[in-house]
Each structure stands twice: as structure tokens, then as C-alpha cells.
C-alpha atoms as a PDB file:
ATOM      1  CA  UNK A   1       0.000   0.000   0.000  1.00  0.00           C
ATOM      2  CA  UNK A   2       1.279   3.445  -0.916  1.00  0.00           C
ATOM      3  CA  UNK A   3       1.722   6.429   1.382  1.00  0.00           C
ATOM      4  CA  UNK A   4       2.283   8.910  -1.444  1.00  0.00           C
ATOM      5  CA  UNK A   5       0.727  12.342  -0.936  1.00  0.00           C
ATOM      6  CA  UNK A   6      -2.066  12.739  -3.487  1.00  0.00           C
ATOM      7  CA  UNK A   7      -1.944  15.507  -6.068  1.00  0.00           C
ATOM      8  CA  UNK A   8      -4.418  18.329  -6.431  1.00  0.00           C
ATOM      9  CA  UNK A   9      -6.473  18.425  -9.610  1.00  0.00           C
ATOM     10  CA  UNK A  10      -4.973  21.890 -10.079  1.00  0.00           C
ATOM     11  CA  UNK A  11      -1.772  20.073 -10.993  1.00  0.00           C
ATOM     12  CA  UNK A  12      -3.052  19.490 -14.521  1.00  0.00           C
ATOM     13  CA  UNK A  13      -1.562  16.512 -16.310  1.00  0.00           C
ATOM     14  CA  UNK A  14      -0.636  17.560 -19.836  1.00  0.00           C
ATOM     15  CA  UNK A  15      -0.232  13.963 -20.996  1.00  0.00           C
ATOM     16  CA  UNK A  16      -1.689  10.701 -19.773  1.00  0.00           C
ATOM     17  CA  UNK A  17      -1.485   7.068 -20.836  1.00  0.00           C
ATOM     18  CA  UNK A  18      -4.944   5.653 -21.477  1.00  0.00           C
ATOM     19  CA  UNK A  19      -6.399   2.793 -19.440  1.00  0.00           C
ATOM     20  CA  UNK A  20      -6.233  -0.234 -21.770  1.00  0.00           C
ATOM     21  CA  UNK A  21      -7.493  -3.706 -20.939  1.00  0.00           C
ATOM     22  CA  UNK A  22      -4.764  -6.349 -21.018  1.00  0.00           C
ATOM     23  CA  UNK A  23      -2.191  -3.601 -21.592  1.00  0.00           C
ATOM     24  CA  UNK A  24      -1.759  -1.125 -18.737  1.00  0.00           C
ATOM     25  CA  UNK A  25      -0.861  -3.616 -16.040  1.00  0.00           C
ATOM     26  CA  UNK A  26       1.784  -2.858 -13.412  1.00  0.00           C
ATOM     27  CA  UNK A  27       4.602  -4.085 -15.661  1.00  0.00           C
ATOM     28  CA  UNK A  28       3.781  -1.773 -18.542  1.00  0.00           C
ATOM     29  CA  UNK A  29       3.133   1.104 -16.154  1.00  0.00           C
ATOM     30  CA  UNK A  30       6.625   0.710 -14.699  1.00  0.00           C
ATOM     31  CA  UNK A  31       8.114   0.831 -18.189  1.00  0.00           C
ATOM     32  CA  UNK A  32       6.170   4.027 -18.866  1.00  0.00           C
ATOM     33  CA  UNK A  33       7.260   5.549 -15.571  1.00  0.00           C
ATOM     34  CA  UNK A  34      10.890   5.013 -16.527  1.00  0.00           C
ATOM     35  CA  UNK A  35      10.169   6.711 -19.850  1.00  0.00           C
ATOM     36  CA  UNK A  36       8.418   9.629 -18.150  1.00  0.00           C
ATOM     37  CA  UNK A  37       8.289  10.725 -14.528  1.00  0.00           C
ATOM     38  CA  UNK A  38       5.451  13.147 -15.261  1.00  0.00           C
ATOM     39  CA  UNK A  39       2.696  11.534 -17.367  1.00  0.00           C
ATOM     40  CA  UNK A  40      -0.434  10.393 -15.563  1.00  0.00           C
ATOM     41  CA  UNK A  41      -0.762   6.605 -15.620  1.00  0.00           C
ATOM     42  CA  UNK A  42      -3.994   4.621 -15.449  1.00  0.00           C
ATOM     43  CA  UNK A  43      -4.858   1.144 -14.307  1.00  0.00           C
ATOM     44  CA  UNK A  44      -6.807  -1.149 -16.566  1.00  0.00           C
ATOM     45  CA  UNK A  45     -10.544  -0.707 -16.052  1.00  0.00           C
ATOM     46  CA  UNK A  46     -11.597  -2.372 -12.814  1.00  0.00           C
ATOM     47  CA  UNK A  47     -15.204  -3.461 -12.433  1.00  0.00           C
ATOM     48  CA  UNK A  48     -16.176  -1.886  -9.112  1.00  0.00           C
ATOM     49  CA  UNK A  49     -18.383  -4.807  -8.140  1.00  0.00           C
ATOM     50  CA  UNK A  50     -15.513  -7.263  -8.634  1.00  0.00           C
ATOM     51  CA  UNK A  51     -13.295  -5.217  -6.321  1.00  0.00           C
ATOM     52  CA  UNK A  52     -15.898  -4.770  -3.608  1.00  0.00           C
ATOM     53  CA  UNK A  53     -16.868  -8.439  -3.431  1.00  0.00           C
ATOM     54  CA  UNK A  54     -13.460 -10.087  -3.757  1.00  0.00           C
ATOM     55  CA  UNK A  55     -11.414 -11.228  -0.784  1.00  0.00           C
ATOM     56  CA  UNK A  56      -8.226 -10.489  -2.717  1.00  0.00           C
ATOM     57  CA  UNK A  57      -8.247  -6.674  -2.859  1.00  0.00           C
ATOM     58  CA  UNK A  58      -4.517  -6.568  -3.545  1.00  0.00           C
ATOM     59  CA  UNK A  59      -5.019  -8.304  -6.900  1.00  0.00           C
ATOM     60  CA  UNK A  60      -6.969  -5.274  -8.116  1.00  0.00           C
ATOM     61  CA  UNK A  61      -5.415  -2.421  -6.164  1.00  0.00           C
ATOM     62  CA  UNK A  62      -1.713  -3.106  -5.814  1.00  0.00           C
ATOM     63  CA  UNK A  63       0.786  -0.843  -7.548  1.00  0.00           C
ATOM     64  CA  UNK A  64       4.389   0.259  -7.128  1.00  0.00           C
ATOM     65  CA  UNK A  65       5.065   3.517  -5.293  1.00  0.00           C
ATOM     66  CA  UNK A  66       7.147   4.670  -8.275  1.00  0.00           C
ATOM     67  CA  UNK A  67       4.031   4.697 -10.464  1.00  0.00           C
ATOM     68  CA  UNK A  68       2.694   7.993  -9.082  1.00  0.00           C
ATOM     69  CA  UNK A  69       0.864   9.931 -10.356  1.00  0.00           C
ATOM     70  CA  UNK A  70      -1.627   7.151 -11.024  1.00  0.00           C
ATOM     71  CA  UNK A  71      -5.383   7.080 -11.574  1.00  0.00           C
ATOM     72  CA  UNK A  72      -7.612   4.080 -10.991  1.00  0.00           C
ATOM     73  CA  UNK A  73     -10.421   3.576 -13.481  1.00  0.00           C
ATOM     74  CA  UNK A  74     -13.714   2.044 -12.378  1.00  0.00           C
ATOM     75  CA  UNK A  75     -16.548   0.627 -14.426  1.00  0.00           C
ATOM     76  CA  UNK A  76     -19.999   0.158 -12.982  1.00  0.00           C
ATOM     77  CA  UNK A  77     -23.458   1.635 -12.607  1.00  0.00           C
ATOM     78  CA  UNK A  78     -24.281   1.165  -8.924  1.00  0.00           C
ATOM     79  CA  UNK A  79     -23.562   4.354  -6.920  1.00  0.00           C
ATOM     80  CA  UNK A  80     -23.292   2.511  -3.597  1.00  0.00           C
ATOM     81  CA  UNK A  81     -20.795  -0.039  -4.908  1.00  0.00           C
ATOM     82  CA  UNK A  82     -18.781   2.706  -6.608  1.00  0.00           C
ATOM     83  CA  UNK A  83     -18.741   4.560  -3.299  1.00  0.00           C
ATOM     84  CA  UNK A  84     -17.222   1.568  -1.516  1.00  0.00           C
ATOM     85  CA  UNK A  85     -14.681   1.051  -4.304  1.00  0.00           C
ATOM     86  CA  UNK A  86     -13.643   4.709  -4.156  1.00  0.00           C
ATOM     87  CA  UNK A  87     -12.963   4.502  -0.429  1.00  0.00           C
ATOM     88  CA  UNK A  88     -10.719   1.495  -1.017  1.00  0.00           C
ATOM     89  CA  UNK A  89      -8.844   3.302  -3.793  1.00  0.00           C
ATOM     90  CA  UNK A  90      -8.248   6.319  -1.576  1.00  0.00           C
ATOM     91  CA  UNK A  91      -7.028   4.171   1.309  1.00  0.00           C
ATOM     92  CA  UNK A  92      -4.679   2.347  -1.045  1.00  0.00           C
ATOM     93  CA  UNK A  93      -3.047   5.602  -2.113  1.00  0.00           C
ATOM     94  CA  UNK A  94      -4.294   6.355  -5.622  1.00  0.00           C
ATOM     95  CA  UNK A  95      -4.063   9.949  -6.852  1.00  0.00           C
ATOM     96  CA  UNK A  96      -7.440  10.143  -8.549  1.00  0.00           C
ATOM     97  CA  UNK A  97     -10.446   8.118  -9.654  1.00  0.00           C
ATOM     98  CA  UNK A  98     -11.693   7.866 -13.226  1.00  0.00           C
ATOM     99  CA  UNK A  99     -15.163   6.696 -14.221  1.00  0.00           C
ATOM    100  CA  UNK A 100     -15.469   4.742 -17.478  1.00  0.00           C
ATOM    101  CA  UNK A 101     -18.298   5.862 -19.746  1.00  0.00           C
ATOM    102  CA  UNK A 102     -16.469   5.105 -22.965  1.00  0.00           C
ATOM    103  CA  UNK A 103     -15.890   1.359 -23.299  1.00  0.00           C
ATOM    104  CA  UNK A 104     -18.007  -0.094 -26.158  1.00  0.00           C
ATOM    105  CA  UNK A 105     -17.369  -3.759 -25.330  1.00  0.00           C
ATOM    106  CA  UNK A 106     -20.512  -5.939 -25.623  1.00  0.00           C
ATOM    107  CA  UNK A 107     -19.606  -7.597 -22.320  1.00  0.00           C
ATOM    108  CA  UNK A 108     -19.380  -4.215 -20.618  1.00  0.00           C
ATOM    109  CA  UNK A 109     -22.578  -2.949 -22.269  1.00  0.00           C
ATOM    110  CA  UNK A 110     -24.442  -6.071 -21.128  1.00  0.00           C
ATOM    111  CA  UNK A 111     -23.555  -5.042 -17.587  1.00  0.00           C
ATOM    112  CA  UNK A 112     -25.168  -1.630 -18.210  1.00  0.00           C
ATOM    113  CA  UNK A 113     -21.961   0.365 -17.896  1.00  0.00           C
ATOM    114  CA  UNK A 114     -19.253   1.754 -20.153  1.00  0.00           C
ATOM    115  CA  UNK A 115     -20.291   3.738 -23.241  1.00  0.00           C
ATOM    116  CA  UNK A 116     -23.928   2.670 -22.970  1.00  0.00           C
ATOM    117  CA  UNK A 117     -24.212   4.845 -19.851  1.00  0.00           C
ATOM    118  CA  UNK A 118     -23.906   7.992 -21.990  1.00  0.00           C
ATOM    119  CA  UNK A 119     -27.553   7.404 -22.860  1.00  0.00           C
ATOM    120  CA  UNK A 120     -28.453   7.842 -19.179  1.00  0.00           C
ATOM    121  CA  UNK A 121     -26.878  11.103 -17.919  1.00  0.00           C
ATOM    122  CA  UNK A 122     -28.944  10.976 -14.726  1.00  0.00           C
ATOM    123  CA  UNK A 123     -27.413   7.656 -13.704  1.00  0.00           C
ATOM    124  CA  UNK A 124     -23.917   8.867 -14.622  1.00  0.00           C
ATOM    125  CA  UNK A 125     -24.453  11.981 -12.501  1.00  0.00           C
ATOM    126  CA  UNK A 126     -25.521   9.861  -9.526  1.00  0.00           C
ATOM    127  CA  UNK A 127     -22.407   7.719  -9.928  1.00  0.00           C
ATOM    128  CA  UNK A 128     -20.141  10.781 -10.087  1.00  0.00           C
ATOM    129  CA  UNK A 129     -21.826  12.315  -7.036  1.00  0.00           C
ATOM    130  CA  UNK A 130     -21.389   9.081  -5.110  1.00  0.00           C
ATOM    131  CA  UNK A 131     -17.693   8.894  -6.017  1.00  0.00           C
ATOM    132  CA  UNK A 132     -17.164  12.543  -5.048  1.00  0.00           C
ATOM    133  CA  UNK A 133     -18.971  12.198  -1.741  1.00  0.00           C
ATOM    134  CA  UNK A 134     -17.057   9.085  -0.732  1.00  0.00           C
ATOM    135  CA  UNK A 135     -13.487  10.374  -0.932  1.00  0.00           C
ATOM    136  CA  UNK A 136     -11.198  13.399  -1.159  1.00  0.00           C
ATOM    137  CA  UNK A 137      -9.668  12.413  -4.498  1.00  0.00           C
ATOM    138  CA  UNK A 138     -10.309  14.151  -7.811  1.00  0.00           C
ATOM    139  CA  UNK A 139     -12.994  12.296  -9.762  1.00  0.00           C
ATOM    140  CA  UNK A 140     -12.714  12.361 -13.545  1.00  0.00           C
ATOM    141  CA  UNK A 141     -14.673  10.793 -16.389  1.00  0.00           C
ATOM    142  CA  UNK A 142     -13.746   9.266 -19.741  1.00  0.00           C
ATOM    143  CA  UNK A 143     -16.410   9.178 -22.438  1.00  0.00           C
ATOM    144  CA  UNK A 144     -17.090   9.308 -26.173  1.00  0.00           C
ATOM    145  CA  UNK A 145     -18.567  12.126 -28.268  1.00  0.00           C
ATOM    146  CA  UNK A 146     -21.754  10.100 -28.640  1.00  0.00           C
ATOM    147  CA  UNK A 147     -23.291   6.637 -28.785  1.00  0.00           C
ATOM    148  CA  UNK A 148     -25.030   5.094 -31.809  1.00  0.00           C
ATOM    149  CA  UNK A 149     -27.613   7.539 -33.173  1.00  0.00           C
ATOM    150  CA  UNK A 150     -27.362   9.679 -30.024  1.00  0.00           C
ATOM    151  CA  UNK A 151     -24.432  11.672 -31.392  1.00  0.00           C
ATOM    152  CA  UNK A 152     -25.522  15.289 -31.754  1.00  0.00           C
ATOM    153  CA  UNK A 153     -23.289  18.023 -30.393  1.00  0.00           C
ATOM    154  CA  UNK A 154     -26.209  19.357 -28.372  1.00  0.00           C
ATOM    155  CA  UNK A 155     -26.545  16.055 -26.531  1.00  0.00           C
ATOM    156  CA  UNK A 156     -22.786  15.886 -25.931  1.00  0.00           C
ATOM    157  CA  UNK A 157     -22.655  19.406 -24.549  1.00  0.00           C
ATOM    158  CA  UNK A 158     -25.700  18.809 -22.350  1.00  0.00           C
ATOM    159  CA  UNK A 159     -24.119  15.583 -21.056  1.00  0.00           C
ATOM    160  CA  UNK A 160     -20.882  17.343 -20.136  1.00  0.00           C
ATOM    161  CA  UNK A 161     -22.670  20.262 -18.459  1.00  0.00           C
ATOM    162  CA  UNK A 162     -24.868  17.876 -16.492  1.00  0.00           C
ATOM    163  CA  UNK A 163     -21.944  15.757 -15.316  1.00  0.00           C
ATOM    164  CA  UNK A 164     -19.950  18.881 -14.497  1.00  0.00           C
ATOM    165  CA  UNK A 165     -22.731  19.977 -12.164  1.00  0.00           C
ATOM    166  CA  UNK A 166     -22.481  16.567 -10.488  1.00  0.00           C
ATOM    167  CA  UNK A 167     -18.865  17.347  -9.614  1.00  0.00           C
ATOM    168  CA  UNK A 168     -16.622  15.803 -12.291  1.00  0.00           C
ATOM    169  CA  UNK A 169     -13.167  17.394 -12.110  1.00  0.00           C
ATOM    170  CA  UNK A 170     -11.941  16.581 -15.613  1.00  0.00           C
ATOM    171  CA  UNK A 171     -13.378  15.212 -18.857  1.00  0.00           C
ATOM    172  CA  UNK A 172     -11.365  12.913 -21.106  1.00  0.00           C
ATOM    173  CA  UNK A 173     -13.167  12.818 -24.436  1.00  0.00           C
ATOM    174  CA  UNK A 174     -12.445  10.085 -26.963  1.00  0.00           C
ATOM    175  CA  UNK A 175     -13.097  11.948 -30.209  1.00  0.00           C
ATOM    176  CA  UNK A 176     -15.104   9.115 -31.766  1.00  0.00           C
ATOM    177  CA  UNK A 177     -18.638   7.992 -31.167  1.00  0.00           C
ATOM    178  CA  UNK A 178     -19.254   4.452 -29.941  1.00  0.00           C
ATOM    179  CA  UNK A 179     -21.261   2.030 -32.060  1.00  0.00           C
ATOM    180  CA  UNK A 180     -22.562  -0.597 -29.683  1.00  0.00           C
ATOM    181  CA  UNK A 181     -24.036  -3.017 -32.211  1.00  0.00           C
ATOM    182  CA  UNK A 182     -22.147  -4.302 -35.219  1.00  0.00           C
ATOM    183  CA  UNK A 183     -18.634  -3.243 -34.197  1.00  0.00           C
ATOM    184  CA  UNK A 184     -16.266  -4.904 -31.768  1.00  0.00           C
ATOM    185  CA  UNK A 185     -14.016  -2.867 -29.421  1.00  0.00           C
ATOM    186  CA  UNK A 186     -11.088  -2.909 -31.860  1.00  0.00           C
ATOM    187  CA  UNK A 187     -13.290  -1.670 -34.711  1.00  0.00           C
ATOM    188  CA  UNK A 188     -14.703   1.021 -32.418  1.00  0.00           C
ATOM    189  CA  UNK A 189     -11.175   2.397 -32.088  1.00  0.00           C
ATOM    190  CA  UNK A 190     -10.753   2.771 -35.852  1.00  0.00           C
ATOM    191  CA  UNK A 191     -13.990   2.778 -37.883  1.00  0.00           C
ATOM    192  CA  UNK A 192     -15.941   5.690 -36.336  1.00  0.00           C
ATOM    193  CA  UNK A 193     -14.165   8.799 -37.681  1.00  0.00           C
ATOM    194  CA  UNK A 194     -12.123  11.007 -35.394  1.00  0.00           C
ATOM    195  CA  UNK A 195     -13.853  14.351 -34.774  1.00  0.00           C
ATOM    196  CA  UNK A 196     -11.325  16.581 -33.059  1.00  0.00           C
ATOM    197  CA  UNK A 197     -13.399  19.543 -34.238  1.00  0.00           C
ATOM    198  CA  UNK A 198     -16.297  18.480 -32.022  1.00  0.00           C
ATOM    199  CA  UNK A 199     -14.118  18.233 -28.912  1.00  0.00           C
ATOM    200  CA  UNK A 200     -12.521  21.566 -29.785  1.00  0.00           C
ATOM    201  CA  UNK A 201     -15.981  23.147 -29.997  1.00  0.00           C
ATOM    202  CA  UNK A 202     -16.872  21.572 -26.657  1.00  0.00           C
ATOM    203  CA  UNK A 203     -13.817  23.143 -25.020  1.00  0.00           C
ATOM    204  CA  UNK A 204     -14.494  26.513 -26.635  1.00  0.00           C
ATOM    205  CA  UNK A 205     -18.036  26.578 -25.256  1.00  0.00           C
ATOM    206  CA  UNK A 206     -16.886  25.401 -21.816  1.00  0.00           C
ATOM    207  CA  UNK A 207     -13.538  27.116 -21.200  1.00  0.00           C
ATOM    208  CA  UNK A 208     -13.871  26.728 -17.442  1.00  0.00           C
ATOM    209  CA  UNK A 209     -13.883  22.927 -17.679  1.00  0.00           C
ATOM    210  CA  UNK A 210     -10.762  20.772 -17.848  1.00  0.00           C
ATOM    211  CA  UNK A 211     -11.059  18.853 -21.105  1.00  0.00           C
ATOM    212  CA  UNK A 212      -8.529  16.284 -22.262  1.00  0.00           C
ATOM    213  CA  UNK A 213      -8.677  14.841 -25.782  1.00  0.00           C
ATOM    214  CA  UNK A 214      -8.099  11.197 -26.670  1.00  0.00           C
ATOM    215  CA  UNK A 215      -7.985   9.230 -29.901  1.00  0.00           C
ATOM    216  CA  UNK A 216      -5.491   8.703 -32.706  1.00  0.00           C
ATOM    217  CA  UNK A 217      -2.404  10.441 -31.305  1.00  0.00           C
ATOM    218  CA  UNK A 218       0.724   8.651 -32.528  1.00  0.00           C
ATOM    219  CA  UNK A 219       3.616  11.104 -31.980  1.00  0.00           C
ATOM    220  CA  UNK A 220       4.751  13.633 -29.396  1.00  0.00           C
ATOM    221  CA  UNK A 221       4.712  16.589 -31.783  1.00  0.00           C
ATOM    222  CA  UNK A 222       1.035  16.186 -32.696  1.00  0.00           C
ATOM    223  CA  UNK A 223       0.222  15.872 -28.994  1.00  0.00           C
ATOM    224  CA  UNK A 224       2.104  19.108 -28.303  1.00  0.00           C
ATOM    225  CA  UNK A 225       0.082  20.827 -31.012  1.00  0.00           C
ATOM    226  CA  UNK A 226      -3.181  19.588 -29.478  1.00  0.00           C
ATOM    227  CA  UNK A 227      -2.194  21.128 -26.129  1.00  0.00           C
ATOM    228  CA  UNK A 228      -2.804  24.518 -27.745  1.00  0.00           C
ATOM    229  CA  UNK A 229      -6.525  23.692 -27.786  1.00  0.00           C
ATOM    230  CA  UNK A 230      -7.008  21.311 -24.864  1.00  0.00           C
ATOM    231  CA  UNK A 231      -5.958  20.987 -21.237  1.00  0.00           C
ATOM    232  CA  UNK A 232      -4.439  17.575 -21.811  1.00  0.00           C
ATOM    233  CA  UNK A 233      -3.876  14.771 -24.303  1.00  0.00           C
ATOM    234  CA  UNK A 234      -4.402  11.083 -23.594  1.00  0.00           C
ATOM    235  CA  UNK A 235      -2.320   8.666 -25.649  1.00  0.00           C
ATOM    236  CA  UNK A 236      -3.274   5.027 -26.081  1.00  0.00           C
ATOM    237  CA  UNK A 237      -2.352   2.169 -28.407  1.00  0.00           C
ATOM    238  CA  UNK A 238       0.582   4.019 -29.953  1.00  0.00           C
ATOM    239  CA  UNK A 239       2.448   4.246 -26.668  1.00  0.00           C
ATOM    240  CA  UNK A 240       1.777   0.574 -25.941  1.00  0.00           C
ATOM    241  CA  UNK A 241       2.972  -0.593 -29.362  1.00  0.00           C
ATOM    242  CA  UNK A 242       5.861   1.870 -29.659  1.00  0.00           C
ATOM    243  CA  UNK A 243       6.909   3.019 -26.151  1.00  0.00           C
ATOM    244  CA  UNK A 244      10.357   4.194 -27.258  1.00  0.00           C
ATOM    245  CA  UNK A 245       8.724   6.560 -29.742  1.00  0.00           C
ATOM    246  CA  UNK A 246       7.652   8.548 -26.685  1.00  0.00           C
ATOM    247  CA  UNK A 247      11.044   8.588 -24.960  1.00  0.00           C
ATOM    248  CA  UNK A 248      11.301  12.393 -25.182  1.00  0.00           C
ATOM    249  CA  UNK A 249       8.020  13.126 -23.393  1.00  0.00           C
ATOM    250  CA  UNK A 250       9.609  14.741 -20.346  1.00  0.00           C
ATOM    251  CA  UNK A 251      12.017  16.797 -22.416  1.00  0.00           C
ATOM    252  CA  UNK A 252       9.546  18.073 -25.028  1.00  0.00           C
ATOM    253  CA  UNK A 253       6.398  18.384 -22.925  1.00  0.00           C
ATOM    254  CA  UNK A 254       7.706  19.159 -19.440  1.00  0.00           C
ATOM    255  CA  UNK A 255      11.126  20.671 -20.148  1.00  0.00           C
ATOM    256  CA  UNK A 256      12.948  17.983 -18.167  1.00  0.00           C
ATOM    257  CA  UNK A 257      16.104  16.596 -19.762  1.00  0.00           C
ATOM    258  CA  UNK A 258      16.389  12.892 -18.897  1.00  0.00           C
ATOM    259  CA  UNK A 259      18.142  11.533 -21.983  1.00  0.00           C
ATOM    260  CA  UNK A 260      21.235  10.386 -20.083  1.00  0.00           C
ATOM    261  CA  UNK A 261      19.343   8.229 -17.618  1.00  0.00           C
ATOM    262  CA  UNK A 262      16.595   6.949 -19.895  1.00  0.00           C
ATOM    263  CA  UNK A 263      18.415   4.000 -21.473  1.00  0.00           C
ATOM    264  CA  UNK A 264      19.718   2.800 -18.108  1.00  0.00           C
ATOM    265  CA  UNK A 265      16.250   3.071 -16.532  1.00  0.00           C
ATOM    266  CA  UNK A 266      14.718   1.159 -19.415  1.00  0.00           C
ATOM    267  CA  UNK A 267      17.335  -1.583 -19.039  1.00  0.00           C
ATOM    268  CA  UNK A 268      16.646  -1.871 -15.293  1.00  0.00           C
ATOM    269  CA  UNK A 269      12.909  -2.311 -15.859  1.00  0.00           C
ATOM    270  CA  UNK A 270      13.347  -4.940 -18.564  1.00  0.00           C
ATOM    271  CA  UNK A 271      15.871  -6.787 -16.423  1.00  0.00           C
ATOM    272  CA  UNK A 272      13.556  -6.825 -13.402  1.00  0.00           C
ATOM    273  CA  UNK A 273      10.627  -8.028 -15.517  1.00  0.00           C
ATOM    274  CA  UNK A 274      12.779 -10.803 -16.950  1.00  0.00           C
ATOM    275  CA  UNK A 275      13.749 -11.973 -13.465  1.00  0.00           C
ATOM    276  CA  UNK A 276      10.139 -11.818 -12.251  1.00  0.00           C
ATOM    277  CA  UNK A 277       8.939 -13.839 -15.240  1.00  0.00           C
ATOM    278  CA  UNK A 278      11.581 -16.544 -15.417  1.00  0.00           C
ATOM    279  CA  UNK A 279      12.774 -16.988 -11.821  1.00  0.00           C
END
């Protein structure tokens, strides 16, 4: 369990590494932390109900103290269960809590959470309020620009305003809509077109809100450019497939020169993972 002092939401994270199922486990997060000491890391999505009812909390909650700043992402639709999960996350030492309203997986949708929840702003608001009232951590939300035919800008803006009033501290917007029937999760990351213009309009109409953009960013320079329009950029599959492509994050984004120590840090992580796997 960590004793790290949690960050204030005022300490805005310019870059974050997206929560990705079967990707952002503790091993990958440690590799990313050696690449950058500053980016916000996320756990894989954790189903709140699974955490609350398991006897093995450590399996879901454990992380290395070096991983800070780190956000835990929950999926679910029951405010009371989310409340209990949030208390556990705070006690374990996480820096913030993220609520998943963007996953288009059929399995997730069948559980009435993930992207399907965008169709029920009232329920999302109750979940956010429950998370906020249960802990002192920042509570953020990750969502799409729309779901199925419910993809008008008016509905998106109303959703964000409504959830903002419920207390959400930051919005991470995947600039694609989710298509819940006919596309699998992988197709939902590529087939619906990217609409950065919609997220840009959302930020322009709501300048007081912290809005982070997600979707399709493959290089540092394009992420830097996006920071001119948004409070943060979330990077996903590109950083998982090509982590070394992002080796200059701290230098280019945060003005921290770590080139000399990067290769050695990377070697240490790979060596420790090798020993953990084969010994």
C-alpha cells in the first residue's frame, strides 16, 4: 500500500497514458514511468463490483510507489458499490479516480456500464456524485462524443454540463462515437471517424472545464500541437505498441532533460521483468 501524498487536480496533467485492458498492467506502467516521470498513468478498467466483493483486494489495487501519479479507473453503474470502491482506492493511495463511460465492449454494455451509460446522464451523474462524496480524491470521467444515433453536439454538450454539475473534475473525451451493435471494441477504435473539431468546440463553449482529448495520437509533436486547444492529451495504443517513440516526453512536454538516464532506466525495468517472469 502506498503512502504517497495525493496531487491536487490543479496540478493538470498535460499527458496521460490511457487505461487499456490487457495492456496497462503494473509491468507496462513501470516501463512508462521510466520513460516519463510526469505523465499520468492509469490502471486497466476495474469493475467496481468485482473489487468490492473479492477477498483479494490486492489483486486489483496493488501498484508500485514509483508509479505515481496514477489514476484508478472504475466501471460500474451502482452508486453505492462505486462509493465503496472509491474509499478502497483512496485508502490504497491512488491519486485520482476515473469513471469509465467510454468502453463499447458488448460484455461491458451487457452489464449496463461503459459507453452505454452515456444514454443515461442521470445515472452517470448519480455515480459521479457518489464517487465525489465518498473520498477526497479528484474524480474524472472518460467518455465518447456520442453513442449510436445519439451523437448530436447538443446532446454531448448537455451531457458534459450535467456531469460537471455533479462534480466531475476533468473530462477525457475520446473523439469518436461508440457504435454498440455491429462493431467490436477494436473496430470502435478505428472505424468511427475522429472528430477533433467536435471536442474543440466543446472546449471553446466550456472554457472553465478541464477537457482532455483522446484518440489517434501517434507522436509527441502532434500531442504538443493539441495542447494549444485542450488541457491535456491522452495517448493510447501508440504508446503501448511503440513506447520508445515517446522517450522524449519529459524533455519536449515538461522541459525535463532525462536523456542520459533513460536508457539505463529502461534496461533496469526490462531486467527486473525478466527476473520476475523466469525466476
